């Protein structure tokens, strides 16, 4: 899943080398923490959060085939 998130977001940002994604697995939830350059945060979030919400939907759809865990994506 980390590769999927990184692939999608690296095509959106100006500085893909500063993009990092940390995976934290819990018993029922997996959290992906995204950190990027300050100038790229707006591109990741999008107007009214539309881009990050779309990324969340894609990742949840891909993860639903693999396991029953909940997926959260947080931008830090």
N, C-alpha and C. Protein backbone atom coordinates (compact mmCIF):
# COMPACT_ATOMS: atom_id res chain seq x y z
N UNK A 1 0.81 -1.19 0.00
CA UNK A 1 0.00 0.00 0.00
C UNK A 1 0.86 1.26 0.00
N UNK A 2 1.98 1.22 0.69
CA UNK A 2 2.85 2.39 0.74
C UNK A 2 3.30 2.76 -0.67
N UNK A 3 3.58 1.75 -1.47
CA UNK A 3 4.02 2.01 -2.84
C UNK A 3 2.92 2.68 -3.65
N UNK A 4 1.68 2.28 -3.45
CA UNK A 4 0.55 2.88 -4.16
C UNK A 4 0.39 4.34 -3.79
N UNK A 5 0.43 4.64 -2.50
CA UNK A 5 0.29 6.02 -2.04
C UNK A 5 1.44 6.87 -2.56
N UNK A 6 2.65 6.34 -2.47
CA UNK A 6 3.82 7.09 -2.94
C UNK A 6 3.77 7.33 -4.45
N UNK A 7 3.32 6.33 -5.21
CA UNK A 7 3.22 6.47 -6.65
C UNK A 7 2.23 7.58 -7.03
N UNK A 8 1.07 7.58 -6.41
CA UNK A 8 0.05 8.58 -6.73
C UNK A 8 0.51 9.97 -6.34
N UNK A 9 1.01 10.12 -5.13
CA UNK A 9 1.38 11.45 -4.64
C UNK A 9 2.65 11.99 -5.30
N UNK A 10 3.57 11.12 -5.67
CA UNK A 10 4.81 11.61 -6.28
C UNK A 10 4.56 12.27 -7.63
N UNK A 11 3.47 11.91 -8.29
CA UNK A 11 3.14 12.54 -9.56
C UNK A 11 2.41 13.87 -9.38
N UNK A 12 2.01 14.18 -8.16
CA UNK A 12 1.30 15.43 -7.89
C UNK A 12 2.21 16.55 -7.39
N UNK A 13 3.28 16.19 -6.71
CA UNK A 13 4.11 17.18 -6.03
C UNK A 13 5.29 17.63 -6.89
N UNK A 14 5.86 18.79 -6.53
CA UNK A 14 7.03 19.32 -7.22
C UNK A 14 8.33 18.70 -6.72
N UNK A 15 8.34 18.27 -5.46
CA UNK A 15 9.54 17.71 -4.83
C UNK A 15 9.27 16.28 -4.35
N UNK A 16 9.22 15.31 -5.26
CA UNK A 16 8.92 13.94 -4.84
C UNK A 16 10.00 13.32 -3.96
N UNK A 17 11.22 13.87 -4.00
CA UNK A 17 12.29 13.34 -3.16
C UNK A 17 12.06 13.66 -1.68
N UNK A 18 11.26 14.68 -1.37
CA UNK A 18 10.98 15.04 0.01
C UNK A 18 9.70 14.38 0.53
N UNK A 19 9.07 13.58 -0.27
CA UNK A 19 7.84 12.89 0.10
C UNK A 19 8.19 11.62 0.87
N UNK A 20 7.62 11.47 2.06
CA UNK A 20 7.84 10.23 2.81
C UNK A 20 6.52 9.76 3.40
N UNK A 21 6.37 8.46 3.44
CA UNK A 21 5.14 7.85 3.94
C UNK A 21 5.53 6.81 4.98
N UNK A 22 4.96 6.96 6.15
CA UNK A 22 5.24 6.06 7.27
C UNK A 22 4.00 5.22 7.54
N UNK A 23 4.18 3.91 7.61
CA UNK A 23 3.07 2.99 7.86
C UNK A 23 3.09 2.56 9.32
N UNK A 24 1.97 2.74 10.00
CA UNK A 24 1.83 2.32 11.39
C UNK A 24 0.67 1.33 11.46
N UNK A 25 0.99 0.09 11.80
CA UNK A 25 -0.04 -0.94 11.85
C UNK A 25 -0.51 -1.17 13.27
N UNK A 26 -1.82 -1.17 13.44
CA UNK A 26 -2.43 -1.51 14.70
C UNK A 26 -3.20 -2.81 14.55
N UNK A 27 -3.97 -3.16 15.57
CA UNK A 27 -4.72 -4.41 15.51
C UNK A 27 -5.86 -4.34 14.49
N UNK A 28 -6.56 -3.20 14.46
CA UNK A 28 -7.70 -3.08 13.56
C UNK A 28 -7.54 -1.98 12.52
N UNK A 29 -6.52 -1.16 12.65
CA UNK A 29 -6.35 -0.01 11.76
C UNK A 29 -4.90 0.11 11.31
N UNK A 30 -4.72 0.52 10.07
CA UNK A 30 -3.41 0.85 9.54
C UNK A 30 -3.42 2.33 9.19
N UNK A 31 -2.44 3.07 9.71
CA UNK A 31 -2.36 4.51 9.50
C UNK A 31 -1.15 4.80 8.62
N UNK A 32 -1.35 5.62 7.60
CA UNK A 32 -0.27 6.09 6.74
C UNK A 32 -0.08 7.57 6.99
N UNK A 33 1.10 7.94 7.49
CA UNK A 33 1.42 9.34 7.76
C UNK A 33 2.26 9.88 6.61
N UNK A 34 1.77 10.94 5.99
CA UNK A 34 2.44 11.53 4.83
C UNK A 34 3.11 12.82 5.26
N UNK A 35 4.39 12.95 4.95
CA UNK A 35 5.10 14.20 5.15
C UNK A 35 5.69 14.62 3.82
N UNK A 36 5.64 15.93 3.56
CA UNK A 36 6.14 16.46 2.30
C UNK A 36 6.64 17.87 2.52
N UNK A 37 7.21 18.45 1.48
CA UNK A 37 7.68 19.84 1.55
C UNK A 37 6.46 20.75 1.76
N UNK A 38 6.69 21.86 2.48
CA UNK A 38 5.58 22.77 2.77
C UNK A 38 4.91 23.29 1.51
N UNK A 39 5.70 23.51 0.46
CA UNK A 39 5.13 24.02 -0.78
C UNK A 39 4.24 22.99 -1.49
N UNK A 40 4.38 21.72 -1.14
CA UNK A 40 3.60 20.66 -1.77
C UNK A 40 2.35 20.27 -1.00
N UNK A 41 2.19 20.76 0.22
CA UNK A 41 1.04 20.35 1.03
C UNK A 41 -0.28 20.72 0.38
N UNK A 42 -0.35 21.90 -0.20
CA UNK A 42 -1.58 22.32 -0.87
C UNK A 42 -1.93 21.43 -2.05
N UNK A 43 -0.92 20.95 -2.74
CA UNK A 43 -1.16 20.06 -3.88
C UNK A 43 -1.64 18.69 -3.42
N UNK A 44 -1.17 18.26 -2.28
CA UNK A 44 -1.60 16.97 -1.74
C UNK A 44 -3.03 17.06 -1.22
N UNK A 45 -3.34 18.13 -0.51
CA UNK A 45 -4.66 18.28 0.09
C UNK A 45 -5.70 18.66 -0.96
N UNK A 46 -5.38 19.62 -1.81
CA UNK A 46 -6.32 20.06 -2.83
C UNK A 46 -7.37 21.00 -2.29
N UNK A 47 -8.17 21.54 -3.18
CA UNK A 47 -9.24 22.45 -2.76
C UNK A 47 -10.28 21.67 -1.97
N UNK A 48 -10.54 22.16 -0.77
CA UNK A 48 -11.50 21.55 0.15
C UNK A 48 -11.22 20.08 0.41
N UNK A 49 -9.94 19.68 0.27
CA UNK A 49 -9.54 18.32 0.60
C UNK A 49 -9.93 17.28 -0.44
N UNK A 50 -10.24 17.71 -1.64
CA UNK A 50 -10.73 16.77 -2.66
C UNK A 50 -9.67 15.77 -3.09
N UNK A 51 -8.43 16.21 -3.23
CA UNK A 51 -7.38 15.29 -3.71
C UNK A 51 -7.04 14.25 -2.67
N UNK A 52 -6.83 14.67 -1.42
CA UNK A 52 -6.48 13.69 -0.38
C UNK A 52 -7.64 12.74 -0.12
N UNK A 53 -8.87 13.22 -0.23
CA UNK A 53 -10.01 12.33 -0.06
C UNK A 53 -10.09 11.31 -1.19
N UNK A 54 -9.74 11.71 -2.39
CA UNK A 54 -9.71 10.77 -3.51
C UNK A 54 -8.63 9.72 -3.31
N UNK A 55 -7.47 10.15 -2.84
CA UNK A 55 -6.38 9.20 -2.55
C UNK A 55 -6.83 8.22 -1.47
N UNK A 56 -7.51 8.72 -0.46
CA UNK A 56 -8.02 7.84 0.61
C UNK A 56 -8.97 6.80 0.05
N UNK A 57 -9.86 7.20 -0.84
CA UNK A 57 -10.81 6.25 -1.42
C UNK A 57 -10.11 5.18 -2.25
N UNK A 58 -9.12 5.58 -3.03
CA UNK A 58 -8.39 4.61 -3.85
C UNK A 58 -7.66 3.61 -2.97
N UNK A 59 -7.02 4.08 -1.92
CA UNK A 59 -6.26 3.19 -1.02
C UNK A 59 -7.21 2.27 -0.27
N UNK A 60 -8.32 2.79 0.19
CA UNK A 60 -9.29 1.93 0.88
C UNK A 60 -9.84 0.85 -0.04
N UNK A 61 -10.11 1.23 -1.29
CA UNK A 61 -10.61 0.24 -2.25
C UNK A 61 -9.56 -0.84 -2.51
N UNK A 62 -8.31 -0.45 -2.66
CA UNK A 62 -7.25 -1.42 -2.89
C UNK A 62 -7.02 -2.29 -1.66
N UNK A 63 -7.16 -1.71 -0.47
CA UNK A 63 -6.91 -2.45 0.76
C UNK A 63 -8.06 -3.38 1.11
N UNK A 64 -9.25 -3.09 0.63
CA UNK A 64 -10.39 -3.93 0.98
C UNK A 64 -10.24 -5.35 0.42
N UNK A 65 -9.48 -5.49 -0.64
CA UNK A 65 -9.24 -6.82 -1.20
C UNK A 65 -8.26 -7.62 -0.35
N UNK A 66 -7.34 -6.93 0.32
CA UNK A 66 -6.28 -7.62 1.06
C UNK A 66 -6.68 -8.02 2.46
N UNK A 67 -7.37 -7.13 3.18
CA UNK A 67 -7.67 -7.43 4.58
C UNK A 67 -8.92 -6.69 5.02
N UNK A 68 -9.31 -6.96 6.24
CA UNK A 68 -10.49 -6.32 6.82
C UNK A 68 -10.12 -5.13 7.69
N UNK A 69 -8.87 -4.71 7.67
CA UNK A 69 -8.44 -3.59 8.48
C UNK A 69 -8.93 -2.26 7.92
N UNK A 70 -9.12 -1.30 8.81
CA UNK A 70 -9.46 0.05 8.39
C UNK A 70 -8.18 0.78 8.00
N UNK A 71 -8.29 1.68 7.06
CA UNK A 71 -7.15 2.44 6.56
C UNK A 71 -7.38 3.91 6.84
N UNK A 72 -6.36 4.58 7.38
CA UNK A 72 -6.40 6.01 7.59
C UNK A 72 -5.18 6.62 6.94
N UNK A 73 -5.38 7.79 6.31
CA UNK A 73 -4.26 8.54 5.73
C UNK A 73 -4.26 9.92 6.36
N UNK A 74 -3.14 10.29 6.95
CA UNK A 74 -3.00 11.58 7.61
C UNK A 74 -1.84 12.36 6.96
N UNK A 75 -2.08 13.64 6.73
CA UNK A 75 -1.04 14.51 6.20
C UNK A 75 -0.47 15.29 7.37
N UNK A 76 0.84 15.19 7.54
CA UNK A 76 1.50 15.85 8.68
C UNK A 76 2.31 17.02 8.17
